[in-house]
C-alpha atoms as a PDB file:
ATOM      1  CA  LEU A   1     219.900 129.078 126.099  1.00  0.00           C
ATOM      2  CA  VAL A   2     223.669 128.976 125.445  1.00  0.00           C
ATOM      3  CA  ALA A   3     224.406 128.882 129.108  1.00  0.00           C
ATOM      4  CA  PHE A   4     221.807 126.117 129.538  1.00  0.00           C
ATOM      5  CA  MET A   5     223.286 123.954 126.763  1.00  0.00           C
ATOM      6  CA  THR A   6     226.812 124.563 128.189  1.00  0.00           C
ATOM      7  CA  VAL A   7     225.646 122.965 131.507  1.00  0.00           C
ATOM      8  CA  ILE A   8     224.174 120.010 129.658  1.00  0.00           C
ATOM      9  CA  PHE A   9     227.173 119.312 127.442  1.00  0.00           C
ATOM     10  CA  THR A  10     229.729 119.892 130.123  1.00  0.00           C
ATOM     11  CA  GLY A  11     227.997 117.343 132.273  1.00  0.00           C
ATOM     12  CA  CYS A  12     227.894 114.902 129.387  1.00  0.00           C
ATOM     13  CA  ALA A  13     231.609 115.369 128.576  1.00  0.00           C
ATOM     14  CA  ASN A  14     232.410 114.459 132.154  1.00  0.00           C
ATOM     15  CA  LYS A  15     230.097 111.465 131.888  1.00  0.00           C
ATOM     16  CA  GLU A  16     227.806 112.695 134.617  1.00  0.00           C
ATOM     17  CA  VAL A  17     224.565 110.738 134.626  1.00  0.00           C
ATOM     18  CA  LYS A  18     222.179 113.615 135.582  1.00  0.00           C
ATOM     19  CA  ASN A  19     221.767 117.266 134.790  1.00  0.00           C
ATOM     20  CA  GLU A  20     221.224 120.086 137.275  1.00  0.00           C
ATOM     21  CA  PHE A  21     217.546 119.405 137.366  1.00  0.00           C
ATOM     22  CA  GLU A  22     217.985 115.749 138.444  1.00  0.00           C
ATOM     23  CA  TRP A  23     216.997 114.358 135.138  1.00  0.00           C
ATOM     24  CA  TYR A  24     219.138 111.499 133.843  1.00  0.00           C
ATOM     25  CA  ILE A  25     221.170 112.318 130.729  1.00  0.00           C
ATOM     26  CA  ASP A  26     222.571 108.807 130.597  1.00  0.00           C
ATOM     27  CA  TYR A  27     219.785 106.534 129.214  1.00  0.00           C
ATOM     28  CA  ASP A  28     221.502 103.212 130.195  1.00  0.00           C
ATOM     29  CA  ALA A  29     222.197 104.439 133.696  1.00  0.00           C
ATOM     30  CA  CYS A  30     218.581 105.518 134.096  1.00  0.00           C
ATOM     31  CA  LEU A  31     217.116 102.173 132.989  1.00  0.00           C
ATOM     32  CA  LYS A  32     219.566 100.314 135.277  1.00  0.00           C
ATOM     33  CA  GLN A  33     218.377 102.444 138.260  1.00  0.00           C
ATOM     34  CA  ALA A  34     214.730 102.057 137.206  1.00  0.00           C
ATOM     35  CA  LYS A  35     215.087  98.295 137.426  1.00  0.00           C
ATOM     36  CA  ALA A  36     216.857  98.453 140.742  1.00  0.00           C
ATOM     37  CA  GLU A  37     214.069 100.730 142.262  1.00  0.00           C
ATOM     38  CA  ASN A  38     211.231  99.181 140.277  1.00  0.00           C
ATOM     39  CA  LYS A  39     210.249 102.592 138.996  1.00  0.00           C
ATOM     40  CA  LYS A  40     208.718 103.610 135.726  1.00  0.00           C
ATOM     41  CA  VAL A  41     210.547 106.181 133.527  1.00  0.00           C
ATOM     42  CA  PHE A  42     209.522 109.399 131.789  1.00  0.00           C
ATOM     43  CA  LEU A  43     211.897 109.752 128.803  1.00  0.00           C
ATOM     44  CA  ILE A  44     211.872 112.816 126.615  1.00  0.00           C
ATOM     45  CA  VAL A  45     213.741 113.006 123.314  1.00  0.00           C
ATOM     46  CA  SER A  46     214.195 116.682 122.484  1.00  0.00           C
ATOM     47  CA  ARG A  47     215.971 119.224 120.440  1.00  0.00           C
ATOM     48  CA  ASP A  48     216.114 122.212 122.796  1.00  0.00           C
ATOM     49  CA  GLU A  49     217.816 124.548 120.330  1.00  0.00           C
ATOM     50  CA  SER A  50     215.789 124.016 117.208  1.00  0.00           C
ATOM     51  CA  ASP A  51     212.266 122.552 117.575  1.00  0.00           C
ATOM     52  CA  ASN A  52     210.688 125.643 119.267  1.00  0.00           C
ATOM     53  CA  VAL A  53     208.839 123.386 121.801  1.00  0.00           C
ATOM     54  CA  SER A  54     211.331 121.244 123.828  1.00  0.00           C
ATOM     55  CA  ALA A  55     213.102 123.907 125.887  1.00  0.00           C
ATOM     56  CA  THR A  56     209.898 125.735 126.831  1.00  0.00           C
ATOM     57  CA  LEU A  57     208.204 122.414 127.799  1.00  0.00           C
ATOM     58  CA  LYS A  58     211.112 121.474 130.098  1.00  0.00           C
ATOM     59  CA  GLN A  59     211.272 124.865 131.760  1.00  0.00           C
ATOM     60  CA  THR A  60     207.530 125.318 132.303  1.00  0.00           C
ATOM     61  CA  VAL A  61     206.547 121.668 133.103  1.00  0.00           C
ATOM     62  CA  LEU A  62     209.215 119.013 133.305  1.00  0.00           C
ATOM     63  CA  TYR A  63     211.858 120.779 135.275  1.00  0.00           C
ATOM     64  CA  THR A  64     209.532 122.347 137.776  1.00  0.00           C
ATOM     65  CA  SER A  65     209.453 121.314 141.455  1.00  0.00           C
ATOM     66  CA  GLU A  66     205.678 120.694 141.103  1.00  0.00           C
ATOM     67  CA  PHE A  67     206.374 118.019 138.534  1.00  0.00           C
ATOM     68  CA  ALA A  68     209.082 116.408 140.598  1.00  0.00           C
ATOM     69  CA  GLU A  69     206.895 116.368 143.685  1.00  0.00           C
ATOM     70  CA  LYS A  70     204.031 114.780 141.824  1.00  0.00           C
ATOM     71  CA  TYR A  71     205.874 112.126 139.819  1.00  0.00           C
ATOM     72  CA  SER A  72     209.253 111.421 141.369  1.00  0.00           C
ATOM     73  CA  GLY A  73     207.763 108.796 143.738  1.00  0.00           C
ATOM     74  CA  GLU A  74     206.661 106.654 140.804  1.00  0.00           C
ATOM     75  CA  TYR A  75     208.978 107.637 137.977  1.00  0.00           C
ATOM     76  CA  LEU A  76     212.583 108.368 137.175  1.00  0.00           C
ATOM     77  CA  PHE A  77     213.225 111.087 134.647  1.00  0.00           C
ATOM     78  CA  CYS A  78     215.448 110.930 131.619  1.00  0.00           C
ATOM     79  CA  GLU A  79     216.243 113.205 128.709  1.00  0.00           C
ATOM     80  CA  THR A  80     217.964 112.625 125.385  1.00  0.00           C
ATOM     81  CA  ASP A  81     218.657 115.886 123.660  1.00  0.00           C
ATOM     82  CA  ILE A  82     219.850 115.952 120.107  1.00  0.00           C
ATOM     83  CA  SER A  83     220.352 119.712 119.578  1.00  0.00           C
ATOM     84  CA  PRO A  84     222.561 120.922 116.715  1.00  0.00           C
ATOM     85  CA  SER A  85     225.294 122.019 119.161  1.00  0.00           C
ATOM     86  CA  LEU A  86     225.931 118.353 120.016  1.00  0.00           C
ATOM     87  CA  PHE A  87     226.493 117.455 116.335  1.00  0.00           C
ATOM     88  CA  LYS A  88     228.835 120.407 115.945  1.00  0.00           C
ATOM     89  CA  ALA A  89     230.760 119.493 119.043  1.00  0.00           C
ATOM     90  CA  ALA A  90     231.127 115.925 117.901  1.00  0.00           C
ATOM     91  CA  LYS A  91     232.225 116.967 114.362  1.00  0.00           C
ATOM     92  CA  PRO A  92     233.926 120.368 114.649  1.00  0.00           C
ATOM     93  CA  PRO A  93     234.974 122.245 111.477  1.00  0.00           C
ATOM     94  CA  LYS A  94     238.551 122.104 110.220  1.00  0.00           C
ATOM     95  CA  ASP A  95     239.226 125.587 111.548  1.00  0.00           C
ATOM     96  CA  ALA A  96     237.984 124.877 115.081  1.00  0.00           C
ATOM     97  CA  ASP A  97     240.310 125.561 118.002  1.00  0.00           C
ATOM     98  CA  LYS A  98     242.465 122.870 119.657  1.00  0.00           C
ATOM     99  CA  GLU A  99     240.124 122.616 122.659  1.00  0.00           C
ATOM    100  CA  ALA A 100     237.130 121.843 120.437  1.00  0.00           C
ATOM    101  CA  LYS A 101     239.037 119.231 118.450  1.00  0.00           C
ATOM    102  CA  LYS A 102     240.355 117.670 121.662  1.00  0.00           C
ATOM    103  CA  ASN A 103     236.878 117.304 123.097  1.00  0.00           C
ATOM    104  CA  SER A 104     235.285 116.119 119.855  1.00  0.00           C
ATOM    105  CA  LYS A 105     235.895 112.379 120.568  1.00  0.00           C
ATOM    106  CA  LYS A 106     234.025 112.719 123.863  1.00  0.00           C
ATOM    107  CA  PHE A 107     231.075 114.409 122.244  1.00  0.00           C
ATOM    108  CA  GLU A 108     231.120 111.909 119.386  1.00  0.00           C
ATOM    109  CA  LYS A 109     230.684 109.121 121.872  1.00  0.00           C
ATOM    110  CA  ILE A 110     227.783 111.037 123.498  1.00  0.00           C
ATOM    111  CA  LEU A 111     226.205 111.627 120.114  1.00  0.00           C
ATOM    112  CA  ASP A 112     226.448 107.915 119.271  1.00  0.00           C
ATOM    113  CA  GLU A 113     224.760 107.052 122.514  1.00  0.00           C
ATOM    114  CA  ARG A 114     221.966 109.444 121.994  1.00  0.00           C
ATOM    115  CA  MET A 115     221.434 108.530 118.363  1.00  0.00           C
ATOM    116  CA  ARG A 116     221.164 104.857 119.489  1.00  0.00           C
ATOM    117  CA  VAL A 117     218.119 105.985 121.645  1.00  0.00           C
ATOM    118  CA  VAL A 118     216.736 107.897 118.614  1.00  0.00           C
ATOM    119  CA  THR A 119     217.081 104.712 116.478  1.00  0.00           C
ATOM    120  CA  ILE A 120     215.591 102.351 119.127  1.00  0.00           C
ATOM    121  CA  TYR A 121     212.507 104.513 119.499  1.00  0.00           C
ATOM    122  CA  GLY A 122     212.202 105.423 115.815  1.00  0.00           C
ATOM    123  CA  ILE A 123     212.014 109.144 116.586  1.00  0.00           C
ATOM    124  CA  GLN A 124     210.421 111.154 113.865  1.00  0.00           C
ATOM    125  CA  ASN A 125     209.514 114.369 115.723  1.00  0.00           C
ATOM    126  CA  THR A 126     210.652 116.184 118.826  1.00  0.00           C
ATOM    127  CA  PRO A 127     209.798 116.552 121.523  1.00  0.00           C
ATOM    128  CA  THR A 128     208.527 113.020 122.110  1.00  0.00           C
ATOM    129  CA  ILE A 129     207.814 111.792 125.627  1.00  0.00           C
ATOM    130  CA  PHE A 130     207.710 108.076 126.500  1.00  0.00           C
ATOM    131  CA  MET A 131     206.284 106.454 129.599  1.00  0.00           C
ATOM    132  CA  LEU A 132     208.385 103.331 130.131  1.00  0.00           C
ATOM    133  CA  SER A 133     208.080 100.318 132.442  1.00  0.00           C
ATOM    134  CA  PRO A 134     211.016  99.549 134.790  1.00  0.00           C
ATOM    135  CA  GLU A 135     212.223  97.154 132.099  1.00  0.00           C
ATOM    136  CA  GLY A 136     212.172  99.868 129.436  1.00  0.00           C
ATOM    137  CA  TYR A 137     209.086  98.624 127.539  1.00  0.00           C
ATOM    138  CA  VAL A 138     206.954 101.489 126.105  1.00  0.00           C
ATOM    139  CA  ILE A 139     203.703 101.969 127.912  1.00  0.00           C
ATOM    140  CA  LYS A 140     202.689 105.153 126.116  1.00  0.00           C
ATOM    141  CA  ASP A 141     204.224 107.739 123.908  1.00  0.00           C
ATOM    142  CA  PHE A 142     203.268 111.385 123.433  1.00  0.00           C
ATOM    143  CA  THR A 143     204.285 113.227 120.321  1.00  0.00           C
ATOM    144  CA  TYR A 144     202.008 116.257 120.591  1.00  0.00           C
ATOM    145  CA  ILE A 145     202.265 117.813 124.048  1.00  0.00           C
ATOM    146  CA  PRO A 146     200.258 120.997 124.248  1.00  0.00           C
ATOM    147  CA  CYS A 147     201.026 121.591 127.940  1.00  0.00           C
ATOM    148  CA  ALA A 148     201.875 124.921 129.479  1.00  0.00           C
ATOM    149  CA  ASN A 149     202.022 123.669 133.121  1.00  0.00           C
ATOM    150  CA  VAL A 150     201.860 120.539 135.234  1.00  0.00           C
ATOM    151  CA  GLY A 151     198.055 120.604 135.506  1.00  0.00           C
ATOM    152  CA  GLU A 152     197.738 120.429 131.772  1.00  0.00           C
ATOM    153  CA  PHE A 153     200.216 117.588 131.624  1.00  0.00           C
ATOM    154  CA  ASP A 154     198.142 115.734 134.231  1.00  0.00           C
ATOM    155  CA  ALA A 155     195.059 116.250 132.162  1.00  0.00           C
ATOM    156  CA  LEU A 156     196.797 114.913 129.043  1.00  0.00           C
ATOM    157  CA  LEU A 157     197.836 111.778 130.919  1.00  0.00           C
ATOM    158  CA  SER A 158     194.332 111.186 132.252  1.00  0.00           C
ATOM    159  CA  THR A 159     192.902 110.954 128.693  1.00  0.00           C
ATOM    160  CA  TYR A 160     194.966 107.903 128.150  1.00  0.00           C
ATOM    161  CA  ASN A 161     194.281 106.178 131.454  1.00  0.00           C
ATOM    162  CA  GLU A 162     192.608 103.164 129.823  1.00  0.00           C
ATOM    163  CA  GLU A 163     195.386 102.599 127.301  1.00  0.00           C
ATOM    164  CA  ILE A 164     198.087 103.015 129.932  1.00  0.00           C
ATOM    165  CA  SER A 165     196.351 100.660 132.341  1.00  0.00           C
ATOM    166  CA  GLY A 166     195.965  98.032 129.592  1.00  0.00           C
ATOM    167  CA  MET A 167     199.702  98.100 128.719  1.00  0.00           C
ATOM    168  CA  GLN A 168     200.708  98.032 132.340  1.00  0.00           C
ATOM    169  CA  GLY A 169     198.341  95.108 132.918  1.00  0.00           C
ATOM    170  CA  MET A 170     199.958  93.087 130.049  1.00  0.00           C
ATOM    171  CA  ILE A 171     203.456  93.746 131.426  1.00  0.00           C
ATOM    172  CA  GLU A 172     202.415  92.553 134.874  1.00  0.00           C
ATOM    173  CA  GLU A 173     200.853  89.459 133.369  1.00  0.00           C
ATOM    174  CA  VAL A 174     204.140  88.553 131.748  1.00  0.00           C
ATOM    175  CA  LYS A 175     205.893  88.972 135.086  1.00  0.00           C
ATOM    176  CA  ALA A 176     203.348  86.771 136.922  1.00  0.00           C
ATOM    177  CA  ALA A 177     203.100  83.990 134.336  1.00  0.00           C
ATOM    178  CA  SER A 178     205.317  80.913 133.826  1.00  0.00           C
ATOM    179  CA  GLY A 179     205.647  78.128 131.236  1.00  0.00           C
ATOM    180  CA  LEU A 180     203.326  78.168 128.311  1.00  0.00           C
ATOM    181  CA  GLU A 181     201.138  80.784 129.975  1.00  0.00           C
ATOM    182  CA  LYS A 182     204.067  83.146 129.905  1.00  0.00           C
ATOM    183  CA  VAL A 183     204.575  82.549 126.180  1.00  0.00           C
ATOM    184  CA  SER A 184     200.943  83.549 125.640  1.00  0.00           C
ATOM    185  CA  ALA A 185     201.439  86.613 127.861  1.00  0.00           C
ATOM    186  CA  ILE A 186     204.542  87.569 125.938  1.00  0.00           C
ATOM    187  CA  ASP A 187     202.708  87.249 122.657  1.00  0.00           C
ATOM    188  CA  ALA A 188     199.822  89.406 123.908  1.00  0.00           C
ATOM    189  CA  LEU A 189     202.325  92.119 124.952  1.00  0.00           C
ATOM    190  CA  TYR A 190     204.137  91.863 121.651  1.00  0.00           C
ATOM    191  CA  GLU A 191     201.014  92.283 119.648  1.00  0.00           C
ATOM    192  CA  GLY A 192     199.812  95.063 121.844  1.00  0.00           C
ATOM    193  CA  THR A 193     203.092  96.991 121.382  1.00  0.00           C
ATOM    194  CA  ASN A 194     203.481  99.312 118.495  1.00  0.00           C
ATOM    195  CA  SER A 195     205.742  97.617 115.981  1.00  0.00           C
ATOM    196  CA  THR A 196     208.197 100.531 116.231  1.00  0.00           C
ATOM    197  CA  TYR A 197     208.922  99.616 119.837  1.00  0.00           C
ATOM    198  CA  ARG A 198     209.063  95.830 119.667  1.00  0.00           C
ATOM    199  CA  TYR A 199     212.792  95.820 119.612  1.00  0.00           C
ATOM    200  CA  LEU A 200     212.602  96.705 123.306  1.00  0.00           C
ATOM    201  CA  LEU A 201     210.931  93.376 123.964  1.00  0.00           C
ATOM    202  CA  THR A 202     213.930  91.417 122.676  1.00  0.00           C
ATOM    203  CA  ASP A 203     214.711  89.898 126.104  1.00  0.00           C
ATOM    204  CA  LEU A 204     211.185  88.492 126.271  1.00  0.00           C
ATOM    205  CA  MET A 205     211.366  87.146 122.655  1.00  0.00           C
ATOM    206  CA  ARG A 206     214.403  85.144 123.612  1.00  0.00           C
ATOM    207  CA  GLU A 207     212.435  83.372 126.358  1.00  0.00           C
ATOM    208  CA  VAL A 208     209.816  81.964 124.034  1.00  0.00           C
ATOM    209  CA  GLU A 209     211.866  79.030 122.678  1.00  0.00           C
ATOM    210  CA  LYS A 210     213.164  78.176 126.132  1.00  0.00           C
ATOM    211  CA  LEU A 211     209.690  78.148 127.551  1.00  0.00           C
ATOM    212  CA  ASP A 212     208.174  76.186 124.671  1.00  0.00           C
ATOM    213  CA  LYS A 213     210.845  73.767 123.515  1.00  0.00           C
ATOM    214  CA  LYS A 214     208.352  71.548 121.669  1.00  0.00           C
ATOM    215  CA  ASN A 215     206.549  74.576 120.030  1.00  0.00           C
ATOM    216  CA  GLU A 216     203.238  73.582 121.537  1.00  0.00           C
ATOM    217  CA  THR A 217     201.979  77.164 121.140  1.00  0.00           C
ATOM    218  CA  GLY A 218     203.093  77.245 117.495  1.00  0.00           C
ATOM    219  CA  LEU A 219     204.682  80.646 118.297  1.00  0.00           C
ATOM    220  CA  VAL A 220     208.329  79.734 118.333  1.00  0.00           C
ATOM    221  CA  GLY A 221     209.030  80.279 114.677  1.00  0.00           C
ATOM    222  CA  LYS A 222     207.392  83.761 114.881  1.00  0.00           C
ATOM    223  CA  TYR A 223     209.854  84.777 117.614  1.00  0.00           C
ATOM    224  CA  ILE A 224     212.874  83.229 115.878  1.00  0.00           C
ATOM    225  CA  MET A 225     212.167  85.733 113.010  1.00  0.00           C
ATOM    226  CA  ALA A 226     211.448  88.525 115.470  1.00  0.00           C
ATOM    227  CA  ILE A 227     214.831  87.931 117.248  1.00  0.00           C
ATOM    228  CA  ALA A 228     216.597  87.910 113.882  1.00  0.00           C
ATOM    229  CA  THR A 229     215.074  91.407 113.220  1.00  0.00           C
ATOM    230  CA  SER A 230     216.282  92.631 116.578  1.00  0.00           C
ATOM    231  CA  ASP A 231     219.721  91.222 115.988  1.00  0.00           C
ATOM    232  CA  ALA A 232     219.746  92.941 112.597  1.00  0.00           C
ATOM    233  CA  MET A 233     218.971  96.196 114.371  1.00  0.00           C
ATOM    234  CA  ASP A 234     221.979  95.587 116.701  1.00  0.00           C
ATOM    235  CA  ALA A 235     224.202  95.085 113.724  1.00  0.00           C
ATOM    236  CA  TYR A 236     222.881  98.301 112.163  1.00  0.00           C
ATOM    237  CA  MET A 237     223.541 100.334 115.255  1.00  0.00           C
ATOM    238  CA  ALA A 238     227.061  98.810 115.595  1.00  0.00           C
ATOM    239  CA  ARG A 239     227.685  99.931 112.012  1.00  0.00           C
ATOM    240  CA  LYS A 240     228.185  96.323 110.834  1.00  0.00           C
ATOM    241  CA  PRO A 241     225.522  95.923 108.128  1.00  0.00           C
ATOM    242  CA  GLU A 242     227.436  93.124 106.565  1.00  0.00           C
ATOM    243  CA  LYS A 243     226.422  90.841 109.439  1.00  0.00           C
ATOM    244  CA  VAL A 244     222.705  91.250 108.795  1.00  0.00           C
ATOM    245  CA  ALA A 245     222.548  88.708 105.882  1.00  0.00           C
ATOM    246  CA  SER A 246     224.199  86.060 108.014  1.00  0.00           C
ATOM    247  CA  ILE A 247     221.775  86.712 110.849  1.00  0.00           C
ATOM    248  CA  TYR A 248     218.768  86.031 108.712  1.00  0.00           C
ATOM    249  CA  GLU A 249     220.483  83.085 107.041  1.00  0.00           C
ATOM    250  CA  LYS A 250     221.154  81.410 110.336  1.00  0.00           C
ATOM    251  CA  SER A 251     217.596  81.961 111.501  1.00  0.00           C
ATOM    252  CA  ALA A 252     216.160  80.529 108.272  1.00  0.00           C
ATOM    253  CA  LYS A 253     217.965  77.256 109.073  1.00  0.00           C
ATOM    254  CA  HIS A 254     216.211  76.937 112.462  1.00  0.00           C
ATOM    255  CA  LYS A 255     214.324  73.714 112.876  1.00  0.00           C
ATOM    256  CA  MET A 256     211.138  75.577 113.841  1.00  0.00           C
ATOM    257  CA  LEU A 257     210.986  77.348 110.452  1.00  0.00           C
END
């Protein structure tokens, strides 16, 4: 396990975007490539060292050649690991050696990037797997993953076929629509998305007022407030909480409210 984590952290420190198993360890790079290739994403948020599930799940299912052969044509793979070693590397003790202190800034940046993912997805337990659209919208999440092999993972996915198909359908409707029809499609996707993951729809929220300048749908005010909440989240993640009040104050003055 120590050797495994050394590989992961060494790659991160050098800002490599993938680990030795061809899984992205850079979330932003993965989403950028997913959009370019129009592929969906399997994202796992894990704690390999401490949750007693993540490391085994990766080794027996996710990192196997069978999994890659079955899913790589349709998906990119991404992992965000928040094991205790990363926290220790980012904030070494006072008596740490010079090398550890020298590298701490690099690991602190990596930790910030990974904790941003944790915050965006409202992670409560690990491992959690997300099935994402090429745009990064959540199609399905899995927080209990009792899978010992790829066949069992396939069976787990199949139990959610109807839910997965419904979410993918709503995403495709947004892409295909225009004008006020797109506003309605955006609203359907927004309402169909778990509230924890609506932050990821911010780019679509911003389109509503542009598409419906006269507020014919009556939905513009709703999305002015939703955007304010997303902007407040950005301020929180940027460690600028003092900006939050002004974000809501500005929104409250909007003519549609």
